[in-house]
Amino acid sequence: MALKLQYTYQGHTKTIGYANDKHHSMFEAAAAAEGLDLSRYRMLEQQVEMSTRDKQAHRDFRDNYFRELGFDEIKVIRDET
């Protein structure tokens, strides 16, 4: 079963191949497909992880950061064929 990643970036919906072993998360895979540098995100993410253990705070930070980059509705699709 193949995995695909569907996301909307700056109003355009795109679908790409996705492999869990090549990317840290589906968010980073979408950013890599768009050629975005995530070094600042990783630095800030590490600070959030060090400041709180609240998983909801981590998700909120991630979701808001990628929304500011122009992403919307990132999801993994299982291709059954």
C-alpha atoms as a PDB file:
ATOM      1  CA  MET A   1       0.000   0.000   0.000  1.00  0.00           C
ATOM      2  CA  ALA A   2       1.526   3.280  -1.121  1.00  0.00           C
ATOM      3  CA  LEU A   3       1.206   6.516   0.799  1.00  0.00           C
ATOM      4  CA  LYS A   4       0.568   9.902  -0.710  1.00  0.00           C
ATOM      5  CA  LEU A   5       0.568  13.303   0.907  1.00  0.00           C
ATOM      6  CA  GLN A   6      -2.109  15.795  -0.037  1.00  0.00           C
ATOM      7  CA  TYR A   7      -1.745  19.407   1.049  1.00  0.00           C
ATOM      8  CA  THR A   8      -2.828  22.886   0.117  1.00  0.00           C
ATOM      9  CA  TYR A   9      -0.060  25.463  -0.235  1.00  0.00           C
ATOM     10  CA  GLN A  10      -0.966  29.077  -0.970  1.00  0.00           C
ATOM     11  CA  GLY A  11      -4.362  28.057  -2.317  1.00  0.00           C
ATOM     12  CA  HIS A  12      -3.140  25.232  -4.591  1.00  0.00           C
ATOM     13  CA  THR A  13      -3.860  21.613  -3.663  1.00  0.00           C
ATOM     14  CA  LYS A  14      -1.018  19.208  -4.451  1.00  0.00           C
ATOM     15  CA  THR A  15      -0.423  15.479  -4.048  1.00  0.00           C
ATOM     16  CA  ILE A  16       3.040  13.921  -3.709  1.00  0.00           C
ATOM     17  CA  GLY A  17       4.471  10.524  -2.792  1.00  0.00           C
ATOM     18  CA  TYR A  18       5.233  10.101   0.904  1.00  0.00           C
ATOM     19  CA  ALA A  19       7.465   7.730   2.851  1.00  0.00           C
ATOM     20  CA  ASN A  20       7.711   7.750   6.654  1.00  0.00           C
ATOM     21  CA  ASP A  21      11.397   6.794   6.580  1.00  0.00           C
ATOM     22  CA  LYS A  22      12.432   9.813   4.475  1.00  0.00           C
ATOM     23  CA  HIS A  23      10.800  12.604   6.488  1.00  0.00           C
ATOM     24  CA  HIS A  24      10.397  13.439  10.170  1.00  0.00           C
ATOM     25  CA  SER A  25       6.717  14.266   9.654  1.00  0.00           C
ATOM     26  CA  MET A  26       4.164  14.926   6.951  1.00  0.00           C
ATOM     27  CA  PHE A  27       4.581  18.641   7.624  1.00  0.00           C
ATOM     28  CA  GLU A  28       8.294  18.530   6.897  1.00  0.00           C
ATOM     29  CA  ALA A  29       7.667  16.450   3.765  1.00  0.00           C
ATOM     30  CA  ALA A  30       5.271  19.086   2.417  1.00  0.00           C
ATOM     31  CA  ALA A  31       7.754  21.869   3.194  1.00  0.00           C
ATOM     32  CA  ALA A  32      10.556  19.943   1.469  1.00  0.00           C
ATOM     33  CA  ALA A  33       8.359  19.494  -1.614  1.00  0.00           C
ATOM     34  CA  GLU A  34       7.921  23.277  -1.736  1.00  0.00           C
ATOM     35  CA  GLY A  35      11.640  23.898  -1.195  1.00  0.00           C
ATOM     36  CA  LEU A  36      11.231  25.660   2.152  1.00  0.00           C
ATOM     37  CA  ASP A  37      14.048  25.844   4.711  1.00  0.00           C
ATOM     38  CA  LEU A  38      12.851  24.612   8.100  1.00  0.00           C
ATOM     39  CA  SER A  39      15.964  25.365  10.174  1.00  0.00           C
ATOM     40  CA  ARG A  40      14.181  28.186  12.041  1.00  0.00           C
ATOM     41  CA  TYR A  41      11.168  25.927  12.651  1.00  0.00           C
ATOM     42  CA  ARG A  42      13.356  23.179  14.108  1.00  0.00           C
ATOM     43  CA  MET A  43      15.073  25.647  16.424  1.00  0.00           C
ATOM     44  CA  LEU A  44      11.757  27.051  17.676  1.00  0.00           C
ATOM     45  CA  GLU A  45      10.229  23.574  17.951  1.00  0.00           C
ATOM     46  CA  GLN A  46      13.107  22.503  20.182  1.00  0.00           C
ATOM     47  CA  GLN A  47      12.519  25.528  22.432  1.00  0.00           C
ATOM     48  CA  VAL A  48       8.824  24.671  22.734  1.00  0.00           C
ATOM     49  CA  GLU A  49       9.686  21.066  23.602  1.00  0.00           C
ATOM     50  CA  MET A  50      12.131  22.220  26.272  1.00  0.00           C
ATOM     51  CA  SER A  51       9.695  24.695  27.812  1.00  0.00           C
ATOM     52  CA  THR A  52       6.663  22.423  28.168  1.00  0.00           C
ATOM     53  CA  ARG A  53       5.668  18.783  28.068  1.00  0.00           C
ATOM     54  CA  ASP A  54       2.142  19.626  26.948  1.00  0.00           C
ATOM     55  CA  LYS A  55       1.589  17.773  23.651  1.00  0.00           C
ATOM     56  CA  GLN A  56      -1.261  20.102  22.713  1.00  0.00           C
ATOM     57  CA  ALA A  57       1.127  23.070  22.917  1.00  0.00           C
ATOM     58  CA  HIS A  58       3.505  21.282  20.536  1.00  0.00           C
ATOM     59  CA  ARG A  59       0.696  20.581  18.047  1.00  0.00           C
ATOM     60  CA  ASP A  60      -0.615  24.122  18.285  1.00  0.00           C
ATOM     61  CA  PHE A  61       2.851  25.551  17.630  1.00  0.00           C
ATOM     62  CA  ARG A  62       3.382  23.260  14.632  1.00  0.00           C
ATOM     63  CA  ASP A  63      -0.054  23.913  13.148  1.00  0.00           C
ATOM     64  CA  ASN A  64       0.253  27.684  13.545  1.00  0.00           C
ATOM     65  CA  TYR A  65       3.784  27.786  12.127  1.00  0.00           C
ATOM     66  CA  PHE A  66       2.842  25.872   8.993  1.00  0.00           C
ATOM     67  CA  ARG A  67      -0.338  27.909   8.586  1.00  0.00           C
ATOM     68  CA  GLU A  68       1.834  31.056   8.590  1.00  0.00           C
ATOM     69  CA  LEU A  69       4.006  29.489   5.878  1.00  0.00           C
ATOM     70  CA  GLY A  70       0.903  29.139   3.701  1.00  0.00           C
ATOM     71  CA  PHE A  71      -0.043  25.489   4.274  1.00  0.00           C
ATOM     72  CA  ASP A  72      -3.554  24.285   4.900  1.00  0.00           C
ATOM     73  CA  GLU A  73      -5.021  20.797   5.372  1.00  0.00           C
ATOM     74  CA  ILE A  74      -2.016  18.472   5.200  1.00  0.00           C
ATOM     75  CA  LYS A  75      -3.022  14.803   5.235  1.00  0.00           C
ATOM     76  CA  VAL A  76      -1.708  11.356   4.359  1.00  0.00           C
ATOM     77  CA  ILE A  77      -3.733   9.324   1.866  1.00  0.00           C
ATOM     78  CA  ARG A  78      -3.393   5.552   1.626  1.00  0.00           C
ATOM     79  CA  ASP A  79      -3.468   4.376  -1.977  1.00  0.00           C
ATOM     80  CA  GLU A  80      -5.182   0.989  -1.942  1.00  0.00           C
ATOM     81  CA  THR A  81      -4.303   0.124  -5.543  1.00  0.00           C
END
